[in-house]
Structure formats: structure tokens, C-alpha cells
């Protein structure tokens, strides 16, 4: 089970991998496709045409925000079950929390 959907968008010889969170209106871009069971890595800032996702109601997360240490992430609105998952999996940065394969 994972917390996101991914799609590869080809723009000529260049491909962009888009990750859309399964439950939150956020998305991010990576340079490599996600590998099931492995941490998602290779986040990149969005391409210029990413505004289309914002027009559809998604907030595009830049690398700087995805790299926010968990010690600086506000967890006050998470459920007890979500907090238990965090204690179990020990995410290091926001991207680990948002885009993962936890069950």
C-alpha cells in the first residue's frame, strides 16, 4: 500500500514523474520513478508547466519544502494511528511522511 499515485509525463526526450498524494491535494516531481517498497527519492522542483496541476486544485511542493526535517513539521492535526506510524517508520523529512509505502 502506498500514499500516492504516480504518472510519467513525456515532453519530447524529457520525462517528468509526478507524484500525487492519495488523500491530500498535494503533488511533487521526481527525476526517477518510484520503486515499490523503497523510499521515494530524487525530488526536483516542478517544471514551468506544473501550473496546470495548481489550476486543478493541487499544491505543488518544492524540493525545499519536501526536505523539511520532521522536527519542524507540525503534526498536531494527525490522528493517533498516524502518529503511531511515524513512531514506527521514523521518517526523516516531510517527503518521507507524505510519499511512502507504509501499510
N, C-alpha and C. Protein backbone atom coordinates (compact mmCIF):
# COMPACT_ATOMS: atom_id res chain seq x y z
N UNK A 1 0.85 -1.17 0.00
CA UNK A 1 0.00 0.00 0.00
C UNK A 1 0.90 1.24 0.00
N UNK A 2 0.47 2.27 -0.70
CA UNK A 2 1.26 3.49 -0.72
C UNK A 2 0.33 4.71 -0.63
N UNK A 3 0.93 5.84 -0.32
CA UNK A 3 0.15 7.06 -0.07
C UNK A 3 0.05 7.97 -1.27
N UNK A 4 0.42 7.46 -2.45
CA UNK A 4 0.46 8.34 -3.61
C UNK A 4 0.20 7.57 -4.90
N UNK A 5 -0.10 8.34 -5.93
CA UNK A 5 -0.22 7.82 -7.29
C UNK A 5 0.90 8.49 -8.09
N UNK A 6 1.44 7.78 -9.07
CA UNK A 6 2.49 8.39 -9.88
C UNK A 6 2.17 8.23 -11.36
N UNK A 7 2.66 9.18 -12.12
CA UNK A 7 2.50 9.15 -13.57
C UNK A 7 3.74 9.77 -14.19
N UNK A 8 4.13 9.24 -15.33
CA UNK A 8 5.25 9.80 -16.07
C UNK A 8 4.70 10.59 -17.24
N UNK A 9 5.13 11.82 -17.36
CA UNK A 9 4.71 12.69 -18.46
C UNK A 9 5.94 12.96 -19.33
N UNK A 10 5.85 12.57 -20.58
CA UNK A 10 6.95 12.77 -21.52
C UNK A 10 6.77 14.09 -22.25
N UNK A 11 7.85 14.84 -22.29
CA UNK A 11 7.87 16.12 -23.00
C UNK A 11 9.07 16.06 -23.94
N UNK A 12 8.82 15.53 -25.13
CA UNK A 12 9.93 15.29 -26.05
C UNK A 12 10.82 14.21 -25.46
N UNK A 13 12.14 14.44 -25.44
CA UNK A 13 13.05 13.44 -24.89
C UNK A 13 13.12 13.46 -23.36
N UNK A 14 12.44 14.41 -22.73
CA UNK A 14 12.50 14.56 -21.27
C UNK A 14 11.23 14.00 -20.65
N UNK A 15 11.40 13.23 -19.58
CA UNK A 15 10.26 12.70 -18.84
C UNK A 15 10.21 13.33 -17.45
N UNK A 16 9.00 13.54 -16.96
CA UNK A 16 8.79 14.07 -15.62
C UNK A 16 7.90 13.08 -14.88
N UNK A 17 8.27 12.74 -13.66
CA UNK A 17 7.45 11.85 -12.85
C UNK A 17 6.73 12.71 -11.83
N UNK A 18 5.41 12.60 -11.84
CA UNK A 18 4.56 13.36 -10.94
C UNK A 18 4.01 12.42 -9.88
N UNK A 19 4.12 12.81 -8.62
CA UNK A 19 3.52 12.07 -7.52
C UNK A 19 2.38 12.90 -6.98
N UNK A 20 1.19 12.32 -6.92
CA UNK A 20 0.03 12.98 -6.35
C UNK A 20 -0.38 12.21 -5.11
N UNK A 21 -0.49 12.90 -3.99
CA UNK A 21 -0.85 12.25 -2.74
C UNK A 21 -2.26 11.66 -2.87
N UNK A 22 -2.47 10.49 -2.28
CA UNK A 22 -3.75 9.79 -2.41
C UNK A 22 -4.87 10.44 -1.61
N UNK A 23 -4.53 11.23 -0.57
CA UNK A 23 -5.57 11.78 0.30
C UNK A 23 -5.51 13.29 0.46
N UNK A 24 -4.40 13.89 0.15
CA UNK A 24 -4.22 15.33 0.30
C UNK A 24 -4.05 15.98 -1.06
N UNK A 25 -4.46 17.23 -1.22
CA UNK A 25 -4.33 17.91 -2.52
C UNK A 25 -2.94 18.47 -2.75
N UNK A 26 -1.93 17.59 -2.73
CA UNK A 26 -0.55 18.00 -2.96
C UNK A 26 0.09 17.08 -3.99
N UNK A 27 1.10 17.61 -4.66
CA UNK A 27 1.84 16.84 -5.67
C UNK A 27 3.30 17.26 -5.62
N UNK A 28 4.16 16.38 -6.15
CA UNK A 28 5.60 16.65 -6.21
C UNK A 28 6.16 15.98 -7.45
N UNK A 29 7.35 16.40 -7.84
CA UNK A 29 8.02 15.86 -9.02
C UNK A 29 9.30 15.16 -8.59
N UNK A 30 9.62 14.05 -9.27
CA UNK A 30 10.88 13.35 -9.03
C UNK A 30 11.57 13.11 -10.36
N UNK A 31 12.88 12.86 -10.28
CA UNK A 31 13.63 12.60 -11.51
C UNK A 31 13.68 11.11 -11.85
N UNK A 32 13.30 10.28 -10.88
CA UNK A 32 13.29 8.84 -11.12
C UNK A 32 11.95 8.25 -10.66
N UNK A 33 11.46 7.23 -11.37
CA UNK A 33 10.19 6.61 -10.96
C UNK A 33 10.32 5.96 -9.58
N UNK A 34 9.25 5.98 -8.80
CA UNK A 34 9.30 5.31 -7.50
C UNK A 34 9.41 3.80 -7.67
N UNK A 35 10.14 3.17 -6.75
CA UNK A 35 10.31 1.72 -6.74
C UNK A 35 9.53 1.17 -5.56
N UNK A 36 8.58 0.27 -5.80
CA UNK A 36 7.76 -0.25 -4.70
C UNK A 36 8.61 -0.73 -3.52
N UNK A 37 8.23 -0.27 -2.34
CA UNK A 37 8.90 -0.66 -1.12
C UNK A 37 10.13 0.13 -0.77
N UNK A 38 10.64 0.94 -1.69
CA UNK A 38 11.84 1.74 -1.45
C UNK A 38 11.45 3.18 -1.14
N UNK A 39 12.26 3.89 -0.36
CA UNK A 39 11.96 5.31 -0.12
C UNK A 39 11.95 6.07 -1.45
N UNK A 40 11.04 7.01 -1.57
CA UNK A 40 10.97 7.83 -2.78
C UNK A 40 12.07 8.87 -2.68
N UNK A 41 12.81 9.04 -3.76
CA UNK A 41 13.94 9.98 -3.74
C UNK A 41 13.99 10.73 -5.07
N UNK A 42 14.98 11.58 -5.19
CA UNK A 42 15.18 12.30 -6.44
C UNK A 42 14.18 13.40 -6.69
N UNK A 43 13.66 14.00 -5.62
CA UNK A 43 12.69 15.08 -5.81
C UNK A 43 13.35 16.26 -6.52
N UNK A 44 12.60 16.89 -7.39
CA UNK A 44 13.07 18.06 -8.14
C UNK A 44 11.99 19.13 -8.09
N UNK A 45 12.41 20.36 -8.31
CA UNK A 45 11.43 21.44 -8.38
C UNK A 45 10.57 21.24 -9.63
N UNK A 46 9.33 21.72 -9.59
CA UNK A 46 8.42 21.49 -10.71
C UNK A 46 8.84 22.18 -11.99
N UNK A 47 8.49 21.58 -13.14
CA UNK A 47 8.78 22.23 -14.42
C UNK A 47 7.85 23.44 -14.60
N UNK A 48 8.15 24.31 -15.55
CA UNK A 48 7.35 25.52 -15.75
C UNK A 48 5.87 25.25 -16.01
N UNK A 49 5.53 24.13 -16.61
CA UNK A 49 4.14 23.85 -16.95
C UNK A 49 3.34 23.23 -15.79
N UNK A 50 3.93 23.11 -14.62
CA UNK A 50 3.26 22.48 -13.48
C UNK A 50 2.06 23.29 -12.98
N UNK A 51 1.93 24.52 -13.43
CA UNK A 51 0.79 25.34 -13.03
C UNK A 51 -0.55 24.70 -13.36
N UNK A 52 -0.57 23.81 -14.34
CA UNK A 52 -1.81 23.11 -14.67
C UNK A 52 -2.31 22.28 -13.50
N UNK A 53 -1.41 21.73 -12.73
CA UNK A 53 -1.80 20.95 -11.55
C UNK A 53 -2.39 21.87 -10.48
N UNK A 54 -1.79 23.06 -10.35
CA UNK A 54 -2.31 24.03 -9.39
C UNK A 54 -3.70 24.50 -9.81
N UNK A 55 -3.91 24.69 -11.11
CA UNK A 55 -5.23 25.09 -11.60
C UNK A 55 -6.28 24.02 -11.28
N UNK A 56 -5.84 22.77 -11.16
CA UNK A 56 -6.74 21.67 -10.84
C UNK A 56 -6.94 21.51 -9.33
N UNK A 57 -6.32 22.40 -8.54
CA UNK A 57 -6.52 22.37 -7.10
C UNK A 57 -5.43 21.70 -6.29
N UNK A 58 -4.32 21.31 -6.93
CA UNK A 58 -3.22 20.69 -6.20
C UNK A 58 -2.16 21.73 -5.86
N UNK A 59 -1.58 21.59 -4.69
CA UNK A 59 -0.45 22.44 -4.31
C UNK A 59 0.82 21.67 -4.65
N UNK A 60 1.67 22.28 -5.47
CA UNK A 60 2.92 21.65 -5.88
C UNK A 60 3.97 21.95 -4.81
N UNK A 61 4.59 20.89 -4.32
CA UNK A 61 5.58 21.03 -3.25
C UNK A 61 6.99 21.16 -3.83
N UNK A 62 7.68 22.24 -3.52
CA UNK A 62 9.07 22.39 -3.99
C UNK A 62 10.02 21.53 -3.16
N UNK A 63 11.21 21.29 -3.68
CA UNK A 63 12.21 20.46 -3.00
C UNK A 63 12.50 21.00 -1.60
N UNK A 64 12.60 22.30 -1.48
CA UNK A 64 12.92 22.89 -0.18
C UNK A 64 11.90 22.48 0.88
N UNK A 65 10.62 22.51 0.53
CA UNK A 65 9.58 22.12 1.50
C UNK A 65 9.61 20.62 1.75
N UNK A 66 9.79 19.82 0.71
CA UNK A 66 9.84 18.37 0.87
C UNK A 66 11.01 17.94 1.75
N UNK A 67 12.05 18.77 1.81
CA UNK A 67 13.25 18.47 2.59
C UNK A 67 13.16 18.95 4.04
N UNK A 68 12.01 19.46 4.44
CA UNK A 68 11.83 19.95 5.80
C UNK A 68 12.02 18.81 6.80
N UNK A 69 12.92 18.97 7.76
CA UNK A 69 13.12 17.92 8.77
C UNK A 69 11.83 17.68 9.57
N UNK A 70 11.61 16.45 9.96
CA UNK A 70 10.39 16.12 10.71
C UNK A 70 10.31 16.90 12.02
N UNK A 71 11.43 17.30 12.57
CA UNK A 71 11.41 18.08 13.80
C UNK A 71 10.76 19.44 13.61
N UNK A 72 10.61 19.87 12.35
CA UNK A 72 10.00 21.17 12.06
C UNK A 72 8.60 21.03 11.44
N UNK A 73 8.08 19.80 11.32
CA UNK A 73 6.77 19.56 10.72
C UNK A 73 5.71 19.59 11.81
N UNK A 74 4.63 20.34 11.58
CA UNK A 74 3.51 20.41 12.53
C UNK A 74 2.68 19.13 12.41
N UNK A 75 2.68 18.34 13.46
CA UNK A 75 1.95 17.07 13.48
C UNK A 75 0.68 17.14 14.33
N UNK A 76 0.31 18.34 14.75
CA UNK A 76 -0.77 18.50 15.73
C UNK A 76 -2.14 18.02 15.24
N UNK A 77 -2.36 17.96 13.95
CA UNK A 77 -3.67 17.55 13.45
C UNK A 77 -3.73 16.09 13.00
N UNK A 78 -2.66 15.34 13.23
CA UNK A 78 -2.65 13.94 12.84
C UNK A 78 -3.35 13.09 13.88
N UNK A 79 -3.91 11.98 13.43
CA UNK A 79 -4.62 11.06 14.33
C UNK A 79 -3.62 10.24 15.14
N UNK A 80 -4.13 9.56 16.15
CA UNK A 80 -3.30 8.68 16.96
C UNK A 80 -2.66 7.60 16.10
N UNK A 81 -3.41 7.04 15.16
CA UNK A 81 -2.89 5.99 14.28
C UNK A 81 -1.77 6.54 13.39
N UNK A 82 -1.94 7.75 12.89
CA UNK A 82 -0.90 8.36 12.04
C UNK A 82 0.37 8.63 12.85
N UNK A 83 0.20 9.09 14.06
CA UNK A 83 1.36 9.34 14.92
C UNK A 83 2.08 8.03 15.25
N UNK A 84 1.32 6.95 15.41
CA UNK A 84 1.93 5.64 15.67
C UNK A 84 2.76 5.19 14.46
N UNK A 85 2.26 5.46 13.25
CA UNK A 85 3.02 5.12 12.04
C UNK A 85 4.34 5.89 12.00
N UNK A 86 4.29 7.15 12.38
CA UNK A 86 5.51 7.97 12.40
C UNK A 86 6.51 7.40 13.40
N UNK A 87 6.02 7.02 14.58
CA UNK A 87 6.93 6.44 15.58
C UNK A 87 7.53 5.13 15.08
N UNK A 88 6.76 4.36 14.34
CA UNK A 88 7.24 3.07 13.83
C UNK A 88 8.24 3.24 12.69
N UNK A 89 7.92 4.11 11.71
CA UNK A 89 8.73 4.21 10.49
C UNK A 89 9.85 5.23 10.57
N UNK A 90 9.80 6.16 11.50
CA UNK A 90 10.86 7.16 11.69
C UNK A 90 11.19 7.96 10.43
N UNK A 91 10.20 8.63 9.83
CA UNK A 91 10.53 9.46 8.66
C UNK A 91 11.49 10.58 9.07
N UNK A 92 12.39 10.91 8.16
CA UNK A 92 13.39 11.94 8.46
C UNK A 92 12.97 13.32 7.98
N UNK A 93 12.27 13.37 6.84
CA UNK A 93 11.85 14.64 6.24
C UNK A 93 10.39 14.54 5.79
N UNK A 94 9.81 15.68 5.46
CA UNK A 94 8.40 15.73 5.07
C UNK A 94 8.08 14.79 3.91
N UNK A 95 8.96 14.70 2.92
CA UNK A 95 8.68 13.82 1.77
C UNK A 95 8.54 12.37 2.21
N UNK A 96 9.29 11.94 3.22
CA UNK A 96 9.17 10.57 3.74
C UNK A 96 7.78 10.34 4.32
N UNK A 97 7.24 11.36 4.95
CA UNK A 97 5.91 11.26 5.55
C UNK A 97 4.80 11.25 4.50
N UNK A 98 4.95 12.10 3.49
CA UNK A 98 3.87 12.24 2.50
C UNK A 98 3.86 11.15 1.44
N UNK A 99 5.02 10.74 0.98
CA UNK A 99 5.11 9.80 -0.16
C UNK A 99 5.85 8.54 0.29
N UNK A 100 5.07 7.54 0.71
CA UNK A 100 5.69 6.34 1.26
C UNK A 100 4.89 5.08 0.92
N UNK A 101 5.46 3.94 1.32
CA UNK A 101 4.87 2.61 1.06
C UNK A 101 4.42 1.96 2.35
N UNK A 102 4.23 2.72 3.41
CA UNK A 102 3.85 2.15 4.71
C UNK A 102 2.51 1.45 4.57
N UNK A 103 2.30 0.46 5.43
CA UNK A 103 1.00 -0.20 5.45
C UNK A 103 0.26 0.11 6.72
